Amino acid sequence: MSVLAHIVHNEETVIDKLLHPFSGLDHIASMVFAAAAIALFFIAMRGRSAATTAGTTTRLRSRLFVGLSSVLLLASVLVLVVV
């Protein structure tokens, strides 16, 4: 097993092709970044309740979490493309 999954040669069997994404640190890091981006996006869209001056409640969504989610998703793609 190599450190980078892209260096693996002679992947001819179906099992080799299925295990390829889990065979290198670059793919594992990309999966972690993508999972964190998805989690932050759902946290941001869920928001939190806040009271309004009219006496009702509304949802506040965090732009920070959406921004972090975007950065992590970009990092996930860059890890796969650059490495």
C-alpha atoms as a PDB file:
ATOM      1  CA  MET A   1       0.000   0.000   0.000  1.00  0.00           C
ATOM      2  CA  SER A   2       1.392   3.363  -0.969  1.00  0.00           C
ATOM      3  CA  VAL A   3       0.882   6.678   0.758  1.00  0.00           C
ATOM      4  CA  LEU A   4      -0.818   8.162  -2.311  1.00  0.00           C
ATOM      5  CA  ALA A   5      -3.546   6.159  -3.981  1.00  0.00           C
ATOM      6  CA  HIS A   6      -2.694   7.423  -7.468  1.00  0.00           C
ATOM      7  CA  ILE A   7       0.603   5.552  -7.578  1.00  0.00           C
ATOM      8  CA  VAL A   8      -1.007   2.090  -7.437  1.00  0.00           C
ATOM      9  CA  HIS A   9      -0.425   0.093 -10.630  1.00  0.00           C
ATOM     10  CA  ASN A  10      -2.035  -3.037 -12.072  1.00  0.00           C
ATOM     11  CA  GLU A  11      -5.522  -2.650 -10.653  1.00  0.00           C
ATOM     12  CA  GLU A  12      -7.277  -5.288 -12.668  1.00  0.00           C
ATOM     13  CA  THR A  13      -9.680  -6.997 -10.304  1.00  0.00           C
ATOM     14  CA  VAL A  14     -12.958  -5.593  -9.098  1.00  0.00           C
ATOM     15  CA  ILE A  15     -11.796  -5.789  -5.469  1.00  0.00           C
ATOM     16  CA  ASP A  16      -8.719  -3.673  -6.281  1.00  0.00           C
ATOM     17  CA  LYS A  17     -10.889  -1.052  -7.934  1.00  0.00           C
ATOM     18  CA  LEU A  18     -13.323  -0.984  -4.979  1.00  0.00           C
ATOM     19  CA  LEU A  19     -10.531  -0.649  -2.417  1.00  0.00           C
ATOM     20  CA  HIS A  20      -8.647   2.025  -4.393  1.00  0.00           C
ATOM     21  CA  PRO A  21     -10.298   5.050  -2.678  1.00  0.00           C
ATOM     22  CA  PHE A  22      -9.282   3.706   0.749  1.00  0.00           C
ATOM     23  CA  SER A  23      -5.692   2.922  -0.215  1.00  0.00           C
ATOM     24  CA  GLY A  24      -4.115   6.365   0.015  1.00  0.00           C
ATOM     25  CA  LEU A  25      -3.929   9.279   2.398  1.00  0.00           C
ATOM     26  CA  ASP A  26      -4.985  11.735  -0.299  1.00  0.00           C
ATOM     27  CA  HIS A  27      -8.319  10.005  -0.842  1.00  0.00           C
ATOM     28  CA  ILE A  28      -8.943   9.564   2.874  1.00  0.00           C
ATOM     29  CA  ALA A  29      -8.189  13.258   3.514  1.00  0.00           C
ATOM     30  CA  SER A  30     -10.520  14.224   0.676  1.00  0.00           C
ATOM     31  CA  MET A  31     -13.317  12.090   2.150  1.00  0.00           C
ATOM     32  CA  VAL A  32     -12.820  13.680   5.582  1.00  0.00           C
ATOM     33  CA  PHE A  33     -12.928  17.189   4.085  1.00  0.00           C
ATOM     34  CA  ALA A  34     -16.084  16.378   2.104  1.00  0.00           C
ATOM     35  CA  ALA A  35     -17.814  14.843   5.142  1.00  0.00           C
ATOM     36  CA  ALA A  36     -16.944  17.877   7.284  1.00  0.00           C
ATOM     37  CA  ALA A  37     -18.194  20.219   4.544  1.00  0.00           C
ATOM     38  CA  ILE A  38     -21.525  18.378   4.339  1.00  0.00           C
ATOM     39  CA  ALA A  39     -21.911  18.369   8.133  1.00  0.00           C
ATOM     40  CA  LEU A  40     -21.154  22.090   8.420  1.00  0.00           C
ATOM     41  CA  PHE A  41     -23.571  22.867   5.594  1.00  0.00           C
ATOM     42  CA  PHE A  42     -26.410  21.022   7.337  1.00  0.00           C
ATOM     43  CA  ILE A  43     -25.586  22.708  10.649  1.00  0.00           C
ATOM     44  CA  ALA A  44     -25.635  26.092   8.906  1.00  0.00           C
ATOM     45  CA  MET A  45     -28.945  25.418   7.158  1.00  0.00           C
ATOM     46  CA  ARG A  46     -30.560  24.146  10.352  1.00  0.00           C
ATOM     47  CA  GLY A  47     -29.773  27.448  12.039  1.00  0.00           C
ATOM     48  CA  ARG A  48     -31.019  28.430  15.458  1.00  0.00           C
ATOM     49  CA  SER A  49     -34.181  30.032  16.745  1.00  0.00           C
ATOM     50  CA  ALA A  50     -34.293  33.734  17.492  1.00  0.00           C
ATOM     51  CA  ALA A  51     -37.069  35.964  18.748  1.00  0.00           C
ATOM     52  CA  THR A  52     -38.352  38.817  16.608  1.00  0.00           C
ATOM     53  CA  THR A  53     -39.741  42.143  17.754  1.00  0.00           C
ATOM     54  CA  ALA A  54     -43.223  40.994  16.639  1.00  0.00           C
ATOM     55  CA  GLY A  55     -43.162  38.231  19.249  1.00  0.00           C
ATOM     56  CA  THR A  56     -42.601  35.360  16.821  1.00  0.00           C
ATOM     57  CA  THR A  57     -39.524  33.239  16.238  1.00  0.00           C
ATOM     58  CA  THR A  58     -37.383  32.951  13.149  1.00  0.00           C
ATOM     59  CA  ARG A  59     -34.382  30.880  12.075  1.00  0.00           C
ATOM     60  CA  LEU A  60     -30.924  32.445  11.939  1.00  0.00           C
ATOM     61  CA  ARG A  61     -28.486  30.754   9.625  1.00  0.00           C
ATOM     62  CA  SER A  62     -24.737  31.117   9.996  1.00  0.00           C
ATOM     63  CA  ARG A  63     -22.807  32.448   7.018  1.00  0.00           C
ATOM     64  CA  LEU A  64     -19.604  31.402   8.753  1.00  0.00           C
ATOM     65  CA  PHE A  65     -20.530  27.710   8.605  1.00  0.00           C
ATOM     66  CA  VAL A  66     -21.571  27.997   4.961  1.00  0.00           C
ATOM     67  CA  GLY A  67     -18.271  29.702   4.178  1.00  0.00           C
ATOM     68  CA  LEU A  68     -16.270  27.059   6.039  1.00  0.00           C
ATOM     69  CA  SER A  69     -18.243  24.373   4.261  1.00  0.00           C
ATOM     70  CA  SER A  70     -17.342  25.888   0.894  1.00  0.00           C
ATOM     71  CA  VAL A  71     -13.672  26.110   1.803  1.00  0.00           C
ATOM     72  CA  LEU A  72     -13.604  22.482   2.958  1.00  0.00           C
ATOM     73  CA  LEU A  73     -15.342  21.314  -0.198  1.00  0.00           C
ATOM     74  CA  LEU A  74     -12.794  23.212  -2.292  1.00  0.00           C
ATOM     75  CA  ALA A  75      -9.978  21.671  -0.227  1.00  0.00           C
ATOM     76  CA  SER A  76     -11.440  18.228  -0.874  1.00  0.00           C
ATOM     77  CA  VAL A  77     -11.362  18.783  -4.631  1.00  0.00           C
ATOM     78  CA  LEU A  78      -7.893  20.333  -4.556  1.00  0.00           C
ATOM     79  CA  VAL A  79      -6.460  17.395  -2.620  1.00  0.00           C
ATOM     80  CA  LEU A  80      -7.667  15.016  -5.323  1.00  0.00           C
ATOM     81  CA  VAL A  81      -6.607  17.198  -8.259  1.00  0.00           C
ATOM     82  CA  VAL A  82      -3.247  18.502  -7.047  1.00  0.00           C
ATOM     83  CA  VAL A  83      -1.904  15.378  -5.346  1.00  0.00           C
END
